C-alpha atoms as a PDB file:
ATOM      1  CA  MET A   1      -0.261  13.388   1.034  1.00  0.00           C
ATOM      2  CA  GLU A   2       2.341  10.711   0.436  1.00  0.00           C
ATOM      3  CA  GLY A   3       4.759  12.471   2.763  1.00  0.00           C
ATOM      4  CA  ILE A   4       2.239  12.474   5.587  1.00  0.00           C
ATOM      5  CA  ALA A   5       1.416   8.790   5.110  1.00  0.00           C
ATOM      6  CA  SER A   6       5.091   7.838   4.925  1.00  0.00           C
ATOM      7  CA  GLY A   7       5.846   9.831   8.050  1.00  0.00           C
ATOM      8  CA  VAL A   8       3.067   8.123   9.964  1.00  0.00           C
ATOM      9  CA  LEU A   9       4.141   4.664   8.778  1.00  0.00           C
ATOM     10  CA  PHE A  10       7.824   5.190   9.459  1.00  0.00           C
ATOM     11  CA  ALA A  11       7.042   6.490  12.947  1.00  0.00           C
ATOM     12  CA  THR A  12       4.341   4.067  14.082  1.00  0.00           C
ATOM     13  CA  LEU A  13       5.160   0.664  12.596  1.00  0.00           C
ATOM     14  CA  PRO A  14       8.489   0.222  14.407  1.00  0.00           C
ATOM     15  CA  VAL A  15       6.776   1.199  17.667  1.00  0.00           C
ATOM     16  CA  LEU A  16       4.017  -1.348  17.081  1.00  0.00           C
ATOM     17  CA  ALA A  17       6.608  -4.004  16.231  1.00  0.00           C
ATOM     18  CA  VAL A  18       8.589  -3.281  19.393  1.00  0.00           C
ATOM     19  CA  GLU A  19       5.494  -3.317  21.595  1.00  0.00           C
ATOM     20  CA  SER A  20       4.357  -6.695  20.265  1.00  0.00           C
ATOM     21  CA  VAL A  21       7.553  -8.606  21.114  1.00  0.00           C
ATOM     22  CA  GLY A  22       9.594  -9.151  24.231  1.00  0.00           C
ATOM     23  CA  GLN A  23      12.602  -7.095  25.275  1.00  0.00           C
ATOM     24  CA  ALA A  24      15.095  -9.554  23.746  1.00  0.00           C
ATOM     25  CA  ASN A  25      13.475  -9.426  20.297  1.00  0.00           C
ATOM     26  CA  ARG A  26      13.080  -5.685  19.841  1.00  0.00           C
ATOM     27  CA  GLY A  27      16.135  -5.261  17.624  1.00  0.00           C
ATOM     28  CA  PRO A  28      15.180  -8.076  15.239  1.00  0.00           C
ATOM     29  CA  ALA A  29      11.593  -6.767  15.099  1.00  0.00           C
ATOM     30  CA  ILE A  30      12.754  -3.344  13.941  1.00  0.00           C
ATOM     31  CA  GLY A  31      15.166  -5.000  11.512  1.00  0.00           C
ATOM     32  CA  ILE A  32      12.364  -7.024   9.953  1.00  0.00           C
ATOM     33  CA  ILE A  33      10.147  -3.952   9.594  1.00  0.00           C
ATOM     34  CA  ARG A  34      12.948  -1.955   7.934  1.00  0.00           C
ATOM     35  CA  THR A  35      13.811  -4.892   5.659  1.00  0.00           C
ATOM     36  CA  PHE A  36      10.253  -5.086   4.375  1.00  0.00           C
ATOM     37  CA  PHE A  37      10.158  -1.303   3.881  1.00  0.00           C
ATOM     38  CA  ALA A  38      13.328  -1.528   1.794  1.00  0.00           C
ATOM     39  CA  ALA A  39      12.090  -4.550  -0.149  1.00  0.00           C
ATOM     40  CA  GLY A  40       8.804  -2.806  -0.920  1.00  0.00           C
ATOM     41  CA  GLY A  41      10.628   0.325  -2.019  1.00  0.00           C
ATOM     42  CA  LEU A  42      12.794  -1.739  -4.361  1.00  0.00           C
ATOM     43  CA  LEU A  43      10.377  -4.363  -5.658  1.00  0.00           C
ATOM     44  CA  GLY A  44       7.218  -2.237  -5.856  1.00  0.00           C
ATOM     45  CA  PRO A  45       8.435   0.085  -8.614  1.00  0.00           C
ATOM     46  CA  MET A  46      10.011  -2.841 -10.475  1.00  0.00           C
ATOM     47  CA  PHE A  47       6.683  -4.687 -10.390  1.00  0.00           C
ATOM     48  CA  ILE A  48       4.700  -1.676 -11.595  1.00  0.00           C
ATOM     49  CA  ILE A  49       7.181  -0.981 -14.406  1.00  0.00           C
ATOM     50  CA  SER A  50       6.878  -4.554 -15.648  1.00  0.00           C
ATOM     51  CA  VAL A  51       3.064  -4.417 -15.401  1.00  0.00           C
ATOM     52  CA  SER A  52       3.089  -1.059 -17.178  1.00  0.00           C
ATOM     53  CA  SER A  53       5.180  -2.430 -20.036  1.00  0.00           C
ATOM     54  CA  MET A  54       2.704  -5.304 -20.488  1.00  0.00           C
ATOM     55  CA  ILE A  55      -0.658  -3.534 -20.177  1.00  0.00           C
ATOM     56  CA  GLY A  56       0.111   0.183 -20.450  1.00  0.00           C
ATOM     57  CA  ALA A  57       0.742   2.976 -17.997  1.00  0.00           C
ATOM     58  CA  ALA A  58      -2.896   3.898 -17.361  1.00  0.00           C
ATOM     59  CA  ASN A  59      -3.874   0.298 -16.641  1.00  0.00           C
ATOM     60  CA  SER A  60      -0.973  -0.129 -14.225  1.00  0.00           C
ATOM     61  CA  PHE A  61      -2.646   2.435 -11.953  1.00  0.00           C
ATOM     62  CA  ILE A  62      -5.800   0.307 -12.022  1.00  0.00           C
ATOM     63  CA  VAL A  63      -3.774  -2.781 -11.068  1.00  0.00           C
ATOM     64  CA  THR A  64      -2.188  -0.855  -8.209  1.00  0.00           C
ATOM     65  CA  ALA A  65      -5.603   0.301  -6.970  1.00  0.00           C
ATOM     66  CA  VAL A  66      -6.933  -3.272  -7.104  1.00  0.00           C
ATOM     67  CA  ILE A  67      -3.953  -4.517  -5.072  1.00  0.00           C
ATOM     68  CA  ILE A  68      -4.403  -1.771  -2.480  1.00  0.00           C
ATOM     69  CA  PHE A  69      -8.158  -2.324  -2.162  1.00  0.00           C
ATOM     70  CA  ALA A  70      -7.663  -6.108  -1.970  1.00  0.00           C
ATOM     71  CA  THR A  71      -5.723  -5.629   1.249  1.00  0.00           C
ATOM     72  CA  ILE A  72      -8.601  -3.831   2.989  1.00  0.00           C
ATOM     73  CA  PRO A  73     -10.518  -7.017   3.958  1.00  0.00           C
ATOM     74  CA  ILE A  74      -7.287  -8.542   5.242  1.00  0.00           C
ATOM     75  CA  VAL A  75      -6.546  -5.536   7.424  1.00  0.00           C
ATOM     76  CA  LEU A  76     -10.114  -5.366   8.725  1.00  0.00           C
ATOM     77  CA  THR A  77     -10.102  -9.032   9.785  1.00  0.00           C
ATOM     78  CA  LEU A  78      -6.842  -8.850  11.734  1.00  0.00           C
ATOM     79  CA  LYS A  79      -7.271  -9.137  15.478  1.00  0.00           C
ATOM     80  CA  GLU A  80      -4.790  -7.965  18.070  1.00  0.00           C
ATOM     81  CA  THR A  81      -3.947 -10.510  20.710  1.00  0.00           C
ATOM     82  CA  ARG A  82      -2.320  -9.589  23.995  1.00  0.00           C
ATOM     83  CA  ARG A  83       0.287 -11.931  25.371  1.00  0.00           C
ATOM     84  CA  HIS A  84       2.069 -11.806  28.672  1.00  0.00           C
ATOM     85  CA  ARG A  85       5.468 -10.249  27.963  1.00  0.00           C
ATOM     86  CA  GLU A  86       8.720 -11.036  29.670  1.00  0.00           C
END
């Protein structure tokens, strides 16, 4: 399941980033998306390892689930705005 989700994210997020900016900013938009992917891939496991060493491995999964579910209201309240592009 993780492979499917990663494939969808890696394919769609750069497209969404490119479509939401003007022609001149497409390269930086993709760069920002890839930077955050890399930062999450590096910092996420480091965060979970440190949480796991403090509260135990089983509880670190609970913390991860809480973080994931805490983002749901944020995602549901986001609104897409259309701007006139160059």
